[in-house]
Every structure is written in C-alpha cells, then in structure tokens.
Amino acid sequence: GQMAEQGGYMRFSKVIMAVLLVWMVPSAWSPLFGYMYEVPYTIIVIDVEAANWRVHSIRSAAFMTVAYFIVSYFRHQRPLSSVLPVLVFSYWLFVFRVATLVIYPQPWTEWILAGVFIALNTVLTIEYMRDSNRIFNDAW
C-alpha cells in the first residue's frame, strides 16, 4: 500500500529532478557560446551587441545553483547551513560574470563588480564556515 505509493512518488520526483538537471545545465552554459536555450526546445542566437550579460550571468548562476542542489539531493547531502544556497549562487555568479567578461566585449568597469563578488564570496564563505561549525558544536 502506502510504502509502494510513496516509492512511486519518490521515483517520479527523482525523474522530474533529473529532467530539470538535464535542462538547466546546458541552459546555464549555452550563453557562453552565444546561444540561449528556451523551453520548449528553442535555441536562440544571442545578439552579442544588445545582450544584457549581467542578466545572462544571473540566469546561468540561478540554473547552476538549482543543478548543484539537485545533485546534492541525489547524493543525499543536506546543506550544513542556510547560507549555502546564497553562497553557491554567489560563486556561480562570479564564475559566469567573469566568463562573460572574458568572452564578450564589455566596459572595463564591469571588472569592479567582479571584485565586489570576490569580497561577497569571502564574507559568505566565512559565514558558512561559522554556521557549519555551530551546527556540529550544538550537536555535541
């Protein structure tokens, strides 16, 4: 009865998560190659001159953050801190922002923002480490 229903539901949710993973990872990286993948199955060539690379970076970072947590779910890993989703997003945002700055022509002042991300990531990493340690300290 109920166990079989729950097992079926769990399998269904894992299939949905796998589909999301297969959709989000290529969608996150395709702008670096000049394309954007939109559902349903449409590949758009990005107008490099008119593109808002900040928005593309945010979109890619959001997709890779979701992908990271789907993979963590499949590996049965729970976040040690509620800061982790923000930290993962911030790391991916830095990766995609720097990648678009290297690949596509943009004002040099955009590199200042990359520096701000480094500072933000440092603060978030310290907070994450504190949070993770606090969880284990409370457990003992």
C-alpha atoms as a PDB file:
ATOM      1  CA  GLY A   1       0.000   0.000   0.000  1.00  0.00           C
ATOM      2  CA  GLN A   2       1.327   3.253   1.310  1.00  0.00           C
ATOM      3  CA  MET A   3       5.009   2.325   1.049  1.00  0.00           C
ATOM      4  CA  ALA A   4       4.611   1.426  -2.647  1.00  0.00           C
ATOM      5  CA  GLU A   5       2.747   4.692  -3.294  1.00  0.00           C
ATOM      6  CA  GLN A   6       5.464   6.650  -1.535  1.00  0.00           C
ATOM      7  CA  GLY A   7       8.151   4.775  -3.513  1.00  0.00           C
ATOM      8  CA  GLY A   8       6.360   5.584  -6.783  1.00  0.00           C
ATOM      9  CA  TYR A   9       6.106   9.234  -5.798  1.00  0.00           C
ATOM     10  CA  MET A  10       9.800   9.325  -4.872  1.00  0.00           C
ATOM     11  CA  ARG A  11      10.753   7.797  -8.224  1.00  0.00           C
ATOM     12  CA  PHE A  12       8.526  10.323 -10.031  1.00  0.00           C
ATOM     13  CA  SER A  13      10.076  13.262  -8.149  1.00  0.00           C
ATOM     14  CA  LYS A  14      13.565  11.968  -8.958  1.00  0.00           C
ATOM     15  CA  VAL A  15      12.638  11.768 -12.660  1.00  0.00           C
ATOM     16  CA  ILE A  16      11.382  15.376 -12.510  1.00  0.00           C
ATOM     17  CA  MET A  17      14.627  16.443 -10.807  1.00  0.00           C
ATOM     18  CA  ALA A  18      16.704  14.591 -13.423  1.00  0.00           C
ATOM     19  CA  VAL A  19      14.765  16.328 -16.234  1.00  0.00           C
ATOM     20  CA  LEU A  20      15.372  19.702 -14.556  1.00  0.00           C
ATOM     21  CA  LEU A  21      19.081  18.881 -14.273  1.00  0.00           C
ATOM     22  CA  VAL A  22      19.333  17.907 -17.960  1.00  0.00           C
ATOM     23  CA  TRP A  23      17.534  21.137 -18.934  1.00  0.00           C
ATOM     24  CA  MET A  24      19.316  23.561 -16.579  1.00  0.00           C
ATOM     25  CA  VAL A  25      22.973  22.628 -17.011  1.00  0.00           C
ATOM     26  CA  PRO A  26      23.113  23.163 -20.812  1.00  0.00           C
ATOM     27  CA  SER A  27      20.852  26.225 -20.441  1.00  0.00           C
ATOM     28  CA  ALA A  28      23.304  27.708 -17.942  1.00  0.00           C
ATOM     29  CA  TRP A  29      26.405  27.243 -20.105  1.00  0.00           C
ATOM     30  CA  SER A  30      24.993  27.909 -23.600  1.00  0.00           C
ATOM     31  CA  PRO A  31      25.151  31.754 -23.335  1.00  0.00           C
ATOM     32  CA  LEU A  32      28.943  31.478 -23.126  1.00  0.00           C
ATOM     33  CA  PHE A  33      28.772  30.018 -26.644  1.00  0.00           C
ATOM     34  CA  GLY A  34      26.348  32.663 -27.930  1.00  0.00           C
ATOM     35  CA  TYR A  35      23.126  30.686 -27.556  1.00  0.00           C
ATOM     36  CA  MET A  36      20.181  30.656 -25.213  1.00  0.00           C
ATOM     37  CA  TYR A  37      18.037  27.577 -24.743  1.00  0.00           C
ATOM     38  CA  GLU A  38      14.379  28.224 -24.044  1.00  0.00           C
ATOM     39  CA  VAL A  39      11.565  25.811 -23.427  1.00  0.00           C
ATOM     40  CA  PRO A  40      10.030  24.303 -25.453  1.00  0.00           C
ATOM     41  CA  TYR A  41      13.204  23.268 -27.271  1.00  0.00           C
ATOM     42  CA  THR A  42      14.077  26.556 -28.890  1.00  0.00           C
ATOM     43  CA  ILE A  43      17.666  27.617 -29.334  1.00  0.00           C
ATOM     44  CA  ILE A  44      18.062  31.358 -29.750  1.00  0.00           C
ATOM     45  CA  VAL A  45      21.197  33.024 -31.091  1.00  0.00           C
ATOM     46  CA  ILE A  46      22.123  35.807 -28.677  1.00  0.00           C
ATOM     47  CA  ASP A  47      22.592  39.264 -30.177  1.00  0.00           C
ATOM     48  CA  VAL A  48      26.024  39.865 -28.673  1.00  0.00           C
ATOM     49  CA  GLU A  49      25.858  43.642 -29.160  1.00  0.00           C
ATOM     50  CA  ALA A  50      22.477  44.076 -27.459  1.00  0.00           C
ATOM     51  CA  ALA A  51      22.783  41.325 -24.837  1.00  0.00           C
ATOM     52  CA  ASN A  52      22.479  42.150 -21.145  1.00  0.00           C
ATOM     53  CA  TRP A  53      25.337  39.982 -19.889  1.00  0.00           C
ATOM     54  CA  ARG A  54      24.526  40.737 -16.248  1.00  0.00           C
ATOM     55  CA  VAL A  55      21.079  39.193 -16.707  1.00  0.00           C
ATOM     56  CA  HIS A  56      22.545  36.212 -18.591  1.00  0.00           C
ATOM     57  CA  SER A  57      25.054  35.723 -15.753  1.00  0.00           C
ATOM     58  CA  ILE A  58      22.295  35.820 -13.127  1.00  0.00           C
ATOM     59  CA  ARG A  59      20.176  33.346 -15.127  1.00  0.00           C
ATOM     60  CA  SER A  60      23.111  30.967 -15.577  1.00  0.00           C
ATOM     61  CA  ALA A  61      24.081  31.221 -11.899  1.00  0.00           C
ATOM     62  CA  ALA A  62      20.488  30.507 -10.825  1.00  0.00           C
ATOM     63  CA  PHE A  63      20.317  27.440 -13.083  1.00  0.00           C
ATOM     64  CA  MET A  64      23.645  26.074 -11.833  1.00  0.00           C
ATOM     65  CA  THR A  65      22.612  26.704  -8.213  1.00  0.00           C
ATOM     66  CA  VAL A  66      19.477  24.614  -8.753  1.00  0.00           C
ATOM     67  CA  ALA A  67      21.587  21.974 -10.536  1.00  0.00           C
ATOM     68  CA  TYR A  68      24.021  21.908  -7.582  1.00  0.00           C
ATOM     69  CA  PHE A  69      21.218  21.243  -5.108  1.00  0.00           C
ATOM     70  CA  ILE A  70      19.622  18.592  -7.341  1.00  0.00           C
ATOM     71  CA  VAL A  71      22.955  16.755  -7.459  1.00  0.00           C
ATOM     72  CA  SER A  72      23.254  17.172  -3.674  1.00  0.00           C
ATOM     73  CA  TYR A  73      19.746  15.733  -3.296  1.00  0.00           C
ATOM     74  CA  PHE A  74      20.659  12.719  -5.448  1.00  0.00           C
ATOM     75  CA  ARG A  75      23.760  12.216  -3.268  1.00  0.00           C
ATOM     76  CA  HIS A  76      21.620  12.513  -0.098  1.00  0.00           C
ATOM     77  CA  GLN A  77      23.592  15.529   1.087  1.00  0.00           C
ATOM     78  CA  ARG A  78      21.810  18.098   3.208  1.00  0.00           C
ATOM     79  CA  PRO A  79      23.131  21.678   3.468  1.00  0.00           C
ATOM     80  CA  LEU A  80      25.016  22.324   6.703  1.00  0.00           C
ATOM     81  CA  SER A  81      23.920  25.946   6.705  1.00  0.00           C
ATOM     82  CA  SER A  82      21.086  28.063   5.396  1.00  0.00           C
ATOM     83  CA  VAL A  83      23.791  30.351   3.959  1.00  0.00           C
ATOM     84  CA  LEU A  84      24.782  27.637   1.462  1.00  0.00           C
ATOM     85  CA  PRO A  85      22.189  28.447  -1.277  1.00  0.00           C
ATOM     86  CA  VAL A  86      23.271  32.104  -1.263  1.00  0.00           C
ATOM     87  CA  LEU A  87      26.946  31.098  -1.250  1.00  0.00           C
ATOM     88  CA  VAL A  88      26.541  28.638  -4.139  1.00  0.00           C
ATOM     89  CA  PHE A  89      24.600  31.234  -6.156  1.00  0.00           C
ATOM     90  CA  SER A  90      27.260  33.863  -5.434  1.00  0.00           C
ATOM     91  CA  TYR A  91      30.093  31.528  -6.516  1.00  0.00           C
ATOM     92  CA  TRP A  92      28.301  30.685  -9.773  1.00  0.00           C
ATOM     93  CA  LEU A  93      27.505  34.350 -10.373  1.00  0.00           C
ATOM     94  CA  PHE A  94      31.215  35.141 -10.076  1.00  0.00           C
ATOM     95  CA  VAL A  95      32.106  32.298 -12.494  1.00  0.00           C
ATOM     96  CA  PHE A  96      29.589  33.362 -15.145  1.00  0.00           C
ATOM     97  CA  ARG A  97      30.246  37.087 -14.726  1.00  0.00           C
ATOM     98  CA  VAL A  98      33.996  36.652 -15.210  1.00  0.00           C
ATOM     99  CA  ALA A  99      33.437  34.215 -18.109  1.00  0.00           C
ATOM    100  CA  THR A 100      31.202  36.695 -19.955  1.00  0.00           C
ATOM    101  CA  LEU A 101      33.708  39.485 -19.283  1.00  0.00           C
ATOM    102  CA  VAL A 102      36.493  37.408 -20.824  1.00  0.00           C
ATOM    103  CA  ILE A 103      34.435  36.216 -23.829  1.00  0.00           C
ATOM    104  CA  TYR A 104      32.342  39.275 -24.727  1.00  0.00           C
ATOM    105  CA  PRO A 105      33.370  42.945 -25.008  1.00  0.00           C
ATOM    106  CA  GLN A 106      32.068  44.969 -22.061  1.00  0.00           C
ATOM    107  CA  PRO A 107      33.177  48.130 -20.243  1.00  0.00           C
ATOM    108  CA  TRP A 108      36.265  47.631 -18.066  1.00  0.00           C
ATOM    109  CA  THR A 109      34.272  48.955 -15.100  1.00  0.00           C
ATOM    110  CA  GLU A 110      32.396  45.626 -15.062  1.00  0.00           C
ATOM    111  CA  TRP A 111      35.582  44.114 -13.594  1.00  0.00           C
ATOM    112  CA  ILE A 112      34.966  46.230 -10.472  1.00  0.00           C
ATOM    113  CA  LEU A 113      31.793  44.223  -9.946  1.00  0.00           C
ATOM    114  CA  ALA A 114      33.845  41.016 -10.164  1.00  0.00           C
ATOM    115  CA  GLY A 115      35.968  42.399  -7.323  1.00  0.00           C
ATOM    116  CA  VAL A 116      32.833  43.067  -5.295  1.00  0.00           C
ATOM    117  CA  PHE A 117      31.811  39.419  -5.857  1.00  0.00           C
ATOM    118  CA  ILE A 118      35.169  38.255  -4.509  1.00  0.00           C
ATOM    119  CA  ALA A 119      34.566  40.274  -1.329  1.00  0.00           C
ATOM    120  CA  LEU A 120      30.982  38.999  -1.089  1.00  0.00           C
ATOM    121  CA  ASN A 121      32.068  35.385  -1.595  1.00  0.00           C
ATOM    122  CA  THR A 122      34.734  35.777   1.105  1.00  0.00           C
ATOM    123  CA  VAL A 123      32.215  37.117   3.639  1.00  0.00           C
ATOM    124  CA  LEU A 124      29.671  34.403   2.738  1.00  0.00           C
ATOM    125  CA  THR A 125      32.305  31.661   2.943  1.00  0.00           C
ATOM    126  CA  ILE A 126      33.330  32.804   6.437  1.00  0.00           C
ATOM    127  CA  GLU A 127      29.666  32.915   7.492  1.00  0.00           C
ATOM    128  CA  TYR A 128      29.077  29.443   6.021  1.00  0.00           C
ATOM    129  CA  MET A 129      32.085  28.032   7.915  1.00  0.00           C
ATOM    130  CA  ARG A 130      30.837  29.614  11.146  1.00  0.00           C
ATOM    131  CA  ASP A 131      27.337  28.237  10.572  1.00  0.00           C
ATOM    132  CA  SER A 132      28.604  24.739   9.732  1.00  0.00           C
ATOM    133  CA  ASN A 133      30.775  24.645  12.847  1.00  0.00           C
ATOM    134  CA  ARG A 134      27.917  25.936  15.002  1.00  0.00           C
ATOM    135  CA  ILE A 135      25.716  23.025  13.887  1.00  0.00           C
ATOM    136  CA  PHE A 136      28.350  20.489  14.943  1.00  0.00           C
ATOM    137  CA  ASN A 137      29.117  22.320  18.194  1.00  0.00           C
ATOM    138  CA  ASP A 138      25.426  22.254  19.125  1.00  0.00           C
ATOM    139  CA  ALA A 139      25.282  18.552  18.323  1.00  0.00           C
ATOM    140  CA  TRP A 140      27.932  17.764  20.934  1.00  0.00           C
END
